[in-house]
Amino acid sequence: MLNFRRDVEEFLRDLDEPLEAVIEAGRSSYGMADLLEELGVRVKMAHPSEVKAIARAKIKTDKRDSRVLADLLRAGLVPEVHKRPVETRRAQRVLRQRVFFVAMMTRVKNRNGNSHSVLGKRGGVQSLSRRRPDSVNPG
């Protein structure tokens, strides 16, 4: 089943109320969690490192992981994480983008800073900014 809203609505239409779902927390989990909550499903967000049964599985597949999460939900044993509000998630996305761009600018500055170095007569690296004009060998 594709994760289109109309497909999810159609799938949920024939199920008995009240509905509960569990989703393993991750970067893309909130999209589905938000959609399910809009459609009236109570969603629990499972803490991935605390779902030890999934972490220890020798063969990891989505089907097996789903079955374990469903079993934990039925038993009331889902180790939940705090679900951040939409506003907080928006701020976090902006902050992550800023961190990404600052890191990229730093890499570019460091790369350019290193390219301003030249090899001296004996093979040692000298910075162009620290060289005195009389140390430049024109020939």
C-alpha atoms as a PDB file:
ATOM      1  CA  MET A   1       0.000   0.000   0.000  1.00  0.00           C
ATOM      2  CA  LEU A   2       1.337   3.404  -0.922  1.00  0.00           C
ATOM      3  CA  ASN A   3       1.342   6.138   1.690  1.00  0.00           C
ATOM      4  CA  PHE A   4      -1.085   8.449  -0.079  1.00  0.00           C
ATOM      5  CA  ARG A   5      -3.768  10.014   2.078  1.00  0.00           C
ATOM      6  CA  ARG A   6      -6.627   8.568   0.018  1.00  0.00           C
ATOM      7  CA  ASP A   7      -5.108   5.065   0.239  1.00  0.00           C
ATOM      8  CA  VAL A   8      -4.696   5.321   4.003  1.00  0.00           C
ATOM      9  CA  GLU A   9      -8.262   6.661   4.380  1.00  0.00           C
ATOM     10  CA  GLU A  10      -9.605   3.792   2.274  1.00  0.00           C
ATOM     11  CA  PHE A  11      -7.633   1.233   4.288  1.00  0.00           C
ATOM     12  CA  LEU A  12      -8.882   2.634   7.618  1.00  0.00           C
ATOM     13  CA  ARG A  13     -12.505   3.000   6.502  1.00  0.00           C
ATOM     14  CA  ASP A  14     -13.433  -0.651   7.098  1.00  0.00           C
ATOM     15  CA  LEU A  15     -11.629  -1.004  10.447  1.00  0.00           C
ATOM     16  CA  ASP A  16     -13.397  -0.849  13.802  1.00  0.00           C
ATOM     17  CA  GLU A  17     -13.028   2.218  16.002  1.00  0.00           C
ATOM     18  CA  PRO A  18     -11.116   3.180  18.125  1.00  0.00           C
ATOM     19  CA  LEU A  19      -7.904   2.685  16.203  1.00  0.00           C
ATOM     20  CA  GLU A  20      -4.408   2.651  17.643  1.00  0.00           C
ATOM     21  CA  ALA A  21      -1.103   2.558  15.802  1.00  0.00           C
ATOM     22  CA  VAL A  22       2.545   2.397  16.753  1.00  0.00           C
ATOM     23  CA  ILE A  23       5.356   3.829  14.644  1.00  0.00           C
ATOM     24  CA  GLU A  24       9.060   3.450  15.314  1.00  0.00           C
ATOM     25  CA  ALA A  25      10.474   6.952  15.764  1.00  0.00           C
ATOM     26  CA  GLY A  26      12.693   8.249  13.003  1.00  0.00           C
ATOM     27  CA  ARG A  27      13.173  11.237  10.738  1.00  0.00           C
ATOM     28  CA  SER A  28      10.256  10.370   8.478  1.00  0.00           C
ATOM     29  CA  SER A  29       7.900   9.021  11.140  1.00  0.00           C
ATOM     30  CA  TYR A  30       6.063  12.252  11.821  1.00  0.00           C
ATOM     31  CA  GLY A  31       4.521  12.456   8.345  1.00  0.00           C
ATOM     32  CA  MET A  32       2.598   9.209   8.824  1.00  0.00           C
ATOM     33  CA  ALA A  33       1.918   9.901  12.507  1.00  0.00           C
ATOM     34  CA  ASP A  34       0.379  13.289  11.668  1.00  0.00           C
ATOM     35  CA  LEU A  35      -1.741  11.783   8.891  1.00  0.00           C
ATOM     36  CA  LEU A  36      -3.039   8.983  11.119  1.00  0.00           C
ATOM     37  CA  GLU A  37      -3.852  11.409  13.926  1.00  0.00           C
ATOM     38  CA  GLU A  38      -5.753  13.650  11.482  1.00  0.00           C
ATOM     39  CA  LEU A  39      -7.781  10.572  10.538  1.00  0.00           C
ATOM     40  CA  GLY A  40      -8.636   9.851  14.174  1.00  0.00           C
ATOM     41  CA  VAL A  41      -6.066   7.174  14.954  1.00  0.00           C
ATOM     42  CA  ARG A  42      -4.312   7.285  18.325  1.00  0.00           C
ATOM     43  CA  VAL A  43      -0.586   7.038  17.528  1.00  0.00           C
ATOM     44  CA  LYS A  44       2.238   5.951  19.804  1.00  0.00           C
ATOM     45  CA  MET A  45       5.814   6.694  18.788  1.00  0.00           C
ATOM     46  CA  ALA A  46       8.158   3.851  19.824  1.00  0.00           C
ATOM     47  CA  HIS A  47      11.685   4.562  21.007  1.00  0.00           C
ATOM     48  CA  PRO A  48      13.894   2.621  18.539  1.00  0.00           C
ATOM     49  CA  SER A  49      16.772   1.781  20.857  1.00  0.00           C
ATOM     50  CA  GLU A  50      14.396   0.624  23.571  1.00  0.00           C
ATOM     51  CA  VAL A  51      12.500  -1.747  21.311  1.00  0.00           C
ATOM     52  CA  LYS A  52      15.053  -4.394  22.113  1.00  0.00           C
ATOM     53  CA  ALA A  53      13.199  -7.219  20.404  1.00  0.00           C
ATOM     54  CA  ILE A  54      13.586  -5.449  17.047  1.00  0.00           C
ATOM     55  CA  ALA A  55      17.177  -4.387  17.693  1.00  0.00           C
ATOM     56  CA  ARG A  56      18.244  -7.959  18.541  1.00  0.00           C
ATOM     57  CA  ALA A  57      16.552  -9.624  15.586  1.00  0.00           C
ATOM     58  CA  LYS A  58      19.024 -11.401  13.355  1.00  0.00           C
ATOM     59  CA  ILE A  59      16.794 -10.978  10.324  1.00  0.00           C
ATOM     60  CA  LYS A  60      15.287  -7.505  10.179  1.00  0.00           C
ATOM     61  CA  THR A  61      12.384  -6.936   7.844  1.00  0.00           C
ATOM     62  CA  ASP A  62       9.591  -4.391   7.945  1.00  0.00           C
ATOM     63  CA  LYS A  63       7.072  -7.216   8.294  1.00  0.00           C
ATOM     64  CA  ARG A  64       8.804  -8.695  11.358  1.00  0.00           C
ATOM     65  CA  ASP A  65       9.370  -5.267  12.902  1.00  0.00           C
ATOM     66  CA  SER A  66       5.685  -4.426  12.385  1.00  0.00           C
ATOM     67  CA  ARG A  67       4.596  -7.652  14.053  1.00  0.00           C
ATOM     68  CA  VAL A  68       6.811  -6.984  17.093  1.00  0.00           C
ATOM     69  CA  LEU A  69       5.545  -3.402  17.377  1.00  0.00           C
ATOM     70  CA  ALA A  70       1.927  -4.617  17.114  1.00  0.00           C
ATOM     71  CA  ASP A  71       2.558  -7.202  19.850  1.00  0.00           C
ATOM     72  CA  LEU A  72       4.077  -4.525  22.094  1.00  0.00           C
ATOM     73  CA  LEU A  73       1.082  -2.255  21.426  1.00  0.00           C
ATOM     74  CA  ARG A  74      -1.423  -5.007  22.298  1.00  0.00           C
ATOM     75  CA  ALA A  75       0.459  -5.744  25.512  1.00  0.00           C
ATOM     76  CA  GLY A  76       0.729  -2.046  26.428  1.00  0.00           C
ATOM     77  CA  LEU A  77       4.527  -2.287  26.455  1.00  0.00           C
ATOM     78  CA  VAL A  78       5.502   0.288  23.787  1.00  0.00           C
ATOM     79  CA  PRO A  79       8.505   2.316  25.032  1.00  0.00           C
ATOM     80  CA  GLU A  80       7.289   5.728  23.892  1.00  0.00           C
ATOM     81  CA  VAL A  81       9.225   8.836  22.978  1.00  0.00           C
ATOM     82  CA  HIS A  82       7.883  12.328  23.408  1.00  0.00           C
ATOM     83  CA  LYS A  83       6.088  13.485  20.266  1.00  0.00           C
ATOM     84  CA  ARG A  84       7.139  17.037  19.551  1.00  0.00           C
ATOM     85  CA  PRO A  85       4.478  19.551  18.506  1.00  0.00           C
ATOM     86  CA  VAL A  86       4.367  20.688  14.863  1.00  0.00           C
ATOM     87  CA  GLU A  87       5.781  24.147  15.707  1.00  0.00           C
ATOM     88  CA  THR A  88       8.805  22.627  17.445  1.00  0.00           C
ATOM     89  CA  ARG A  89       9.442  20.317  14.501  1.00  0.00           C
ATOM     90  CA  ARG A  90       9.349  23.251  12.078  1.00  0.00           C
ATOM     91  CA  ALA A  91      11.885  25.122  14.206  1.00  0.00           C
ATOM     92  CA  GLN A  92      14.068  22.006  14.335  1.00  0.00           C
ATOM     93  CA  ARG A  93      14.015  21.670  10.525  1.00  0.00           C
ATOM     94  CA  VAL A  94      15.123  25.313  10.182  1.00  0.00           C
ATOM     95  CA  LEU A  95      17.855  24.776  12.761  1.00  0.00           C
ATOM     96  CA  ARG A  96      19.079  21.593  11.019  1.00  0.00           C
ATOM     97  CA  GLN A  97      19.243  23.460   7.706  1.00  0.00           C
ATOM     98  CA  ARG A  98      21.211  26.267   9.337  1.00  0.00           C
ATOM     99  CA  VAL A  99      23.664  23.782  10.886  1.00  0.00           C
ATOM    100  CA  PHE A 100      24.062  22.146   7.467  1.00  0.00           C
ATOM    101  CA  PHE A 101      24.781  25.462   5.719  1.00  0.00           C
ATOM    102  CA  VAL A 102      27.194  26.672   8.416  1.00  0.00           C
ATOM    103  CA  ALA A 103      29.102  23.367   8.154  1.00  0.00           C
ATOM    104  CA  MET A 104      29.189  23.701   4.374  1.00  0.00           C
ATOM    105  CA  MET A 105      30.479  27.294   4.591  1.00  0.00           C
ATOM    106  CA  THR A 106      33.128  26.209   7.084  1.00  0.00           C
ATOM    107  CA  ARG A 107      34.298  23.430   4.743  1.00  0.00           C
ATOM    108  CA  VAL A 108      34.535  25.897   1.854  1.00  0.00           C
ATOM    109  CA  LYS A 109      36.405  28.455   3.965  1.00  0.00           C
ATOM    110  CA  ASN A 110      38.810  25.799   5.234  1.00  0.00           C
ATOM    111  CA  ARG A 111      39.364  24.502   1.729  1.00  0.00           C
ATOM    112  CA  ASN A 112      40.056  27.990   0.410  1.00  0.00           C
ATOM    113  CA  GLY A 113      42.282  28.734   3.395  1.00  0.00           C
ATOM    114  CA  ASN A 114      44.374  25.675   2.632  1.00  0.00           C
ATOM    115  CA  SER A 115      44.704  26.606  -1.028  1.00  0.00           C
ATOM    116  CA  HIS A 116      46.442  29.842  -0.031  1.00  0.00           C
ATOM    117  CA  SER A 117      49.405  27.859   1.176  1.00  0.00           C
ATOM    118  CA  VAL A 118      52.444  27.358  -1.005  1.00  0.00           C
ATOM    119  CA  LEU A 119      55.452  25.116  -0.782  1.00  0.00           C
ATOM    120  CA  GLY A 120      58.598  26.848   0.398  1.00  0.00           C
ATOM    121  CA  LYS A 121      62.076  26.221  -1.026  1.00  0.00           C
ATOM    122  CA  ARG A 122      62.639  23.218   1.231  1.00  0.00           C
ATOM    123  CA  GLY A 123      59.200  21.733   0.721  1.00  0.00           C
ATOM    124  CA  GLY A 124      57.688  23.242   3.887  1.00  0.00           C
ATOM    125  CA  VAL A 125      54.247  24.791   3.668  1.00  0.00           C
ATOM    126  CA  GLN A 126      54.032  28.548   4.130  1.00  0.00           C
ATOM    127  CA  SER A 127      50.892  30.602   4.204  1.00  0.00           C
ATOM    128  CA  LEU A 128      50.778  33.392   1.614  1.00  0.00           C
ATOM    129  CA  SER A 129      49.343  35.724   4.235  1.00  0.00           C
ATOM    130  CA  ARG A 130      52.390  35.209   6.489  1.00  0.00           C
ATOM    131  CA  ARG A 131      55.071  35.568   3.818  1.00  0.00           C
ATOM    132  CA  ARG A 132      57.041  38.779   3.751  1.00  0.00           C
ATOM    133  CA  PRO A 133      57.391  40.500   0.376  1.00  0.00           C
ATOM    134  CA  ASP A 134      61.200  40.145   0.467  1.00  0.00           C
ATOM    135  CA  SER A 135      60.888  36.343   0.771  1.00  0.00           C
ATOM    136  CA  VAL A 136      59.198  36.038  -2.621  1.00  0.00           C
ATOM    137  CA  ASN A 137      61.607  34.560  -5.134  1.00  0.00           C
ATOM    138  CA  PRO A 138      60.772  35.969  -8.588  1.00  0.00           C
ATOM    139  CA  GLY A 139      62.923  33.528 -10.431  1.00  0.00           C
END
